[in-house]
C-alpha atoms as a PDB file:
ATOM      1  CA  MET A   1       0.000   0.000   0.000  1.00  0.00           C
ATOM      2  CA  LEU A   2       1.170   3.517  -0.726  1.00  0.00           C
ATOM      3  CA  ASN A   3       2.127   5.500   2.367  1.00  0.00           C
ATOM      4  CA  THR A   4       2.437   9.028   3.663  1.00  0.00           C
ATOM      5  CA  GLY A   5       4.986  10.932   1.590  1.00  0.00           C
ATOM      6  CA  ASP A   6       4.429   8.888  -1.586  1.00  0.00           C
ATOM      7  CA  ALA A   7       3.230  10.546  -4.776  1.00  0.00           C
ATOM      8  CA  ALA A   8      -0.372   9.646  -5.572  1.00  0.00           C
ATOM      9  CA  PRO A   9      -0.485   7.991  -9.008  1.00  0.00           C
ATOM     10  CA  ASP A  10      -2.677   9.840 -11.475  1.00  0.00           C
ATOM     11  CA  PHE A  11      -5.617   8.102 -13.140  1.00  0.00           C
ATOM     12  CA  THR A  12      -8.840   8.677 -15.015  1.00  0.00           C
ATOM     13  CA  LEU A  13     -11.966   6.665 -14.172  1.00  0.00           C
ATOM     14  CA  PRO A  14     -15.685   7.061 -14.866  1.00  0.00           C
ATOM     15  CA  ASP A  15     -17.899   8.360 -12.086  1.00  0.00           C
ATOM     16  CA  GLN A  16     -21.435   7.195 -11.289  1.00  0.00           C
ATOM     17  CA  ASP A  17     -22.752   9.215 -14.245  1.00  0.00           C
ATOM     18  CA  GLY A  18     -20.171   7.805 -16.660  1.00  0.00           C
ATOM     19  CA  ASN A  19     -18.186  11.051 -16.747  1.00  0.00           C
ATOM     20  CA  PRO A  20     -14.385  10.743 -16.679  1.00  0.00           C
ATOM     21  CA  VAL A  21     -12.690  12.015 -13.518  1.00  0.00           C
ATOM     22  CA  THR A  22      -8.924  12.570 -13.536  1.00  0.00           C
ATOM     23  CA  LEU A  23      -7.138  12.829 -10.213  1.00  0.00           C
ATOM     24  CA  SER A  24      -4.710  15.518 -11.395  1.00  0.00           C
ATOM     25  CA  ASP A  25      -7.664  17.671 -12.534  1.00  0.00           C
ATOM     26  CA  VAL A  26      -9.260  17.315  -9.098  1.00  0.00           C
ATOM     27  CA  LEU A  27      -5.966  18.179  -7.377  1.00  0.00           C
ATOM     28  CA  ALA A  28      -5.622  21.295  -9.553  1.00  0.00           C
ATOM     29  CA  GLN A  29      -8.605  22.578  -7.540  1.00  0.00           C
ATOM     30  CA  GLY A  30      -7.090  21.670  -4.152  1.00  0.00           C
ATOM     31  CA  PRO A  31      -6.516  18.645  -1.921  1.00  0.00           C
ATOM     32  CA  ALA A  32      -8.580  15.490  -2.175  1.00  0.00           C
ATOM     33  CA  VAL A  33      -9.420  12.379  -0.234  1.00  0.00           C
ATOM     34  CA  LEU A  34      -9.565   9.109  -2.161  1.00  0.00           C
ATOM     35  CA  PHE A  35     -11.281   6.311  -0.300  1.00  0.00           C
ATOM     36  CA  PHE A  36     -11.333   2.748  -1.578  1.00  0.00           C
ATOM     37  CA  TYR A  37     -14.248   0.620  -0.420  1.00  0.00           C
ATOM     38  CA  PRO A  38     -14.818  -3.080  -1.099  1.00  0.00           C
ATOM     39  CA  ALA A  39     -18.386  -3.047  -2.462  1.00  0.00           C
ATOM     40  CA  ALA A  40     -21.185  -0.526  -2.909  1.00  0.00           C
ATOM     41  CA  LEU A  41     -24.462  -1.102  -1.067  1.00  0.00           C
ATOM     42  CA  THR A  42     -22.927  -3.361   1.599  1.00  0.00           C
ATOM     43  CA  PRO A  43     -23.346  -2.479   5.293  1.00  0.00           C
ATOM     44  CA  GLY A  44     -19.764  -1.445   6.085  1.00  0.00           C
ATOM     45  CA  CYS A  45     -19.257   0.474   2.871  1.00  0.00           C
ATOM     46  CA  THR A  46     -22.584   2.231   3.291  1.00  0.00           C
ATOM     47  CA  LYS A  47     -21.651   3.295   6.820  1.00  0.00           C
ATOM     48  CA  GLU A  48     -18.284   4.606   5.609  1.00  0.00           C
ATOM     49  CA  ALA A  49     -19.698   6.428   2.566  1.00  0.00           C
ATOM     50  CA  CYS A  50     -22.487   7.984   4.629  1.00  0.00           C
ATOM     51  CA  HIS A  51     -20.004   9.243   7.212  1.00  0.00           C
ATOM     52  CA  PHE A  52     -18.103  11.029   4.415  1.00  0.00           C
ATOM     53  CA  ARG A  53     -21.470  12.441   3.253  1.00  0.00           C
ATOM     54  CA  ASP A  54     -22.420  13.550   6.752  1.00  0.00           C
ATOM     55  CA  ILE A  55     -19.246  15.604   7.216  1.00  0.00           C
ATOM     56  CA  VAL A  56     -18.930  16.825   3.631  1.00  0.00           C
ATOM     57  CA  GLY A  57     -19.409  20.400   4.866  1.00  0.00           C
ATOM     58  CA  GLU A  58     -16.220  20.129   6.910  1.00  0.00           C
ATOM     59  CA  PHE A  59     -14.326  18.829   3.874  1.00  0.00           C
ATOM     60  CA  THR A  60     -15.757  21.625   1.732  1.00  0.00           C
ATOM     61  CA  ALA A  61     -14.779  24.242   4.319  1.00  0.00           C
ATOM     62  CA  ALA A  62     -11.211  22.882   4.193  1.00  0.00           C
ATOM     63  CA  GLY A  63     -11.245  22.997   0.365  1.00  0.00           C
ATOM     64  CA  VAL A  64     -11.076  19.193   0.085  1.00  0.00           C
ATOM     65  CA  ARG A  65     -12.811  17.124  -2.602  1.00  0.00           C
ATOM     66  CA  ILE A  66     -14.031  13.593  -1.797  1.00  0.00           C
ATOM     67  CA  LEU A  67     -13.664  10.699  -4.250  1.00  0.00           C
ATOM     68  CA  GLY A  68     -14.937   7.198  -3.513  1.00  0.00           C
ATOM     69  CA  ILE A  69     -13.624   4.270  -5.547  1.00  0.00           C
ATOM     70  CA  SER A  70     -14.515   0.593  -5.858  1.00  0.00           C
ATOM     71  CA  ALA A  71     -14.553  -2.152  -8.469  1.00  0.00           C
ATOM     72  CA  ASP A  72     -18.320  -1.779  -8.854  1.00  0.00           C
ATOM     73  CA  ALA A  73     -19.747  -0.947 -12.273  1.00  0.00           C
ATOM     74  CA  VAL A  74     -20.888   2.585 -13.080  1.00  0.00           C
ATOM     75  CA  ALA A  75     -24.576   1.586 -12.786  1.00  0.00           C
ATOM     76  CA  LYS A  76     -24.084   0.159  -9.289  1.00  0.00           C
ATOM     77  CA  GLN A  77     -22.187   3.300  -8.231  1.00  0.00           C
ATOM     78  CA  LYS A  78     -25.156   5.340  -9.492  1.00  0.00           C
ATOM     79  CA  THR A  79     -27.582   3.225  -7.456  1.00  0.00           C
ATOM     80  CA  PHE A  80     -25.342   3.634  -4.386  1.00  0.00           C
ATOM     81  CA  ASP A  81     -25.274   7.420  -4.817  1.00  0.00           C
ATOM     82  CA  ASN A  82     -29.022   7.677  -5.466  1.00  0.00           C
ATOM     83  CA  THR A  83     -29.971   5.386  -2.582  1.00  0.00           C
ATOM     84  CA  PHE A  84     -27.945   7.281   0.021  1.00  0.00           C
ATOM     85  CA  SER A  85     -27.723  10.782  -1.531  1.00  0.00           C
ATOM     86  CA  LEU A  86     -23.939  10.723  -1.260  1.00  0.00           C
ATOM     87  CA  GLY A  87     -23.360  13.718  -3.527  1.00  0.00           C
ATOM     88  CA  TYR A  88     -19.690  13.191  -4.400  1.00  0.00           C
ATOM     89  CA  PRO A  89     -18.009  11.244  -7.224  1.00  0.00           C
ATOM     90  CA  LEU A  90     -18.001   7.450  -6.932  1.00  0.00           C
ATOM     91  CA  LEU A  91     -15.466   6.045  -9.350  1.00  0.00           C
ATOM     92  CA  SER A  92     -15.656   2.687 -11.087  1.00  0.00           C
ATOM     93  CA  ASP A  93     -12.342   0.798 -11.070  1.00  0.00           C
ATOM     94  CA  ALA A  94     -13.914  -2.257 -12.693  1.00  0.00           C
ATOM     95  CA  ASP A  95     -10.627  -3.877 -13.703  1.00  0.00           C
ATOM     96  CA  LYS A  96      -9.062  -3.082 -10.290  1.00  0.00           C
ATOM     97  CA  SER A  97      -6.045  -1.513 -11.998  1.00  0.00           C
ATOM     98  CA  ILE A  98      -6.091   1.579  -9.782  1.00  0.00           C
ATOM     99  CA  ALA A  99      -6.544  -0.506  -6.621  1.00  0.00           C
ATOM    100  CA  LYS A 100      -3.472  -2.482  -7.708  1.00  0.00           C
ATOM    101  CA  THR A 101      -1.513   0.713  -8.371  1.00  0.00           C
ATOM    102  CA  TYR A 102      -2.363   2.001  -4.882  1.00  0.00           C
ATOM    103  CA  GLY A 103      -1.582  -1.396  -3.336  1.00  0.00           C
ATOM    104  CA  VAL A 104      -5.071  -2.087  -2.002  1.00  0.00           C
ATOM    105  CA  SER A 105      -6.213  -4.896  -4.304  1.00  0.00           C
ATOM    106  CA  ARG A 106      -7.026  -8.095  -2.443  1.00  0.00           C
ATOM    107  CA  ARG A 107      -5.152 -11.200  -3.471  1.00  0.00           C
ATOM    108  CA  VAL A 108      -7.565 -13.566  -1.748  1.00  0.00           C
ATOM    109  CA  GLY A 109     -11.172 -13.390  -0.624  1.00  0.00           C
ATOM    110  CA  PHE A 110     -14.379 -12.465  -2.366  1.00  0.00           C
ATOM    111  CA  LEU A 111     -14.094  -8.669  -2.015  1.00  0.00           C
ATOM    112  CA  PRO A 112     -12.091  -6.955  -4.776  1.00  0.00           C
ATOM    113  CA  ASN A 113     -10.145  -4.440  -2.705  1.00  0.00           C
ATOM    114  CA  GLN A 114      -9.262  -3.445   0.812  1.00  0.00           C
ATOM    115  CA  ARG A 115     -10.814  -0.554   2.687  1.00  0.00           C
ATOM    116  CA  ALA A 116      -8.179   2.181   2.496  1.00  0.00           C
ATOM    117  CA  THR A 117      -8.125   5.960   2.341  1.00  0.00           C
ATOM    118  CA  PHE A 118      -5.544   8.386   1.011  1.00  0.00           C
ATOM    119  CA  ALA A 119      -5.536  12.061   1.970  1.00  0.00           C
ATOM    120  CA  ILE A 120      -3.756  13.780  -0.914  1.00  0.00           C
ATOM    121  CA  GLY A 121      -2.389  17.314  -0.879  1.00  0.00           C
ATOM    122  CA  ALA A 122      -2.882  19.612  -3.873  1.00  0.00           C
ATOM    123  CA  ASP A 123       0.737  18.846  -4.786  1.00  0.00           C
ATOM    124  CA  GLY A 124      -0.169  15.180  -5.312  1.00  0.00           C
ATOM    125  CA  VAL A 125       1.666  13.912  -2.230  1.00  0.00           C
ATOM    126  CA  ILE A 126      -0.127  11.594   0.188  1.00  0.00           C
ATOM    127  CA  VAL A 127      -0.335  13.293   3.594  1.00  0.00           C
ATOM    128  CA  ALA A 128      -2.130  10.394   5.323  1.00  0.00           C
ATOM    129  CA  ALA A 129      -2.845   6.765   4.465  1.00  0.00           C
ATOM    130  CA  VAL A 130      -5.489   4.874   6.432  1.00  0.00           C
ATOM    131  CA  ARG A 131      -6.139   1.145   6.355  1.00  0.00           C
ATOM    132  CA  ASN A 132      -8.812  -0.067   8.740  1.00  0.00           C
ATOM    133  CA  GLU A 133     -11.349  -2.739   7.877  1.00  0.00           C
ATOM    134  CA  ILE A 134     -13.357  -2.397  11.098  1.00  0.00           C
ATOM    135  CA  ASN A 135     -13.747   1.275  12.094  1.00  0.00           C
ATOM    136  CA  MET A 136     -15.663   2.835   9.215  1.00  0.00           C
ATOM    137  CA  ASN A 137     -15.557   6.386  10.603  1.00  0.00           C
ATOM    138  CA  THR A 138     -11.795   6.588  11.074  1.00  0.00           C
ATOM    139  CA  HIS A 139     -11.214   6.988   7.339  1.00  0.00           C
ATOM    140  CA  ALA A 140     -13.072  10.286   6.938  1.00  0.00           C
ATOM    141  CA  ASP A 141     -12.045  11.595  10.348  1.00  0.00           C
ATOM    142  CA  THR A 142      -8.327  10.916   9.827  1.00  0.00           C
ATOM    143  CA  ALA A 143      -8.318  12.282   6.268  1.00  0.00           C
ATOM    144  CA  LEU A 144     -10.130  15.455   7.314  1.00  0.00           C
ATOM    145  CA  LYS A 145      -7.740  16.055  10.195  1.00  0.00           C
ATOM    146  CA  ALA A 146      -4.712  15.517   7.952  1.00  0.00           C
ATOM    147  CA  LEU A 147      -5.946  17.785   5.165  1.00  0.00           C
ATOM    148  CA  ALA A 148      -7.398  20.509   7.368  1.00  0.00           C
ATOM    149  CA  THR A 149      -3.946  21.092   8.846  1.00  0.00           C
ATOM    150  CA  THR A 150      -2.016  21.256   5.546  1.00  0.00           C
END
């Protein structure tokens, strides 16, 4: 897994509406948090995604953009967003290539990737890396704290 101080690899993926989102374009507008979740519409991932949604105002106040990413298809990402009114881009990494690049692809098990979050400064450097499969709220809280102080 990539760590604090590493450069965040750039990528372009479709969001829940099928529109391409490029990380470097997002970072040109300021810092971002990229959170990988195993599967849309599952209990843990829903709790995590909703916590990001619930504190989106704090991220916005800090000038931080939120990007969720999983191996789910665009249509499932759209259903996830519509069902829970998430309101931020959910990216489809269907071939898991970006999860592999970030070192969060699972080698075994039925879920495609690990739960991991990267707080990325506007310069493209990771300022915090979080891996926690159990505490769903720590991802947003840790990323916000790291980016609000940069």
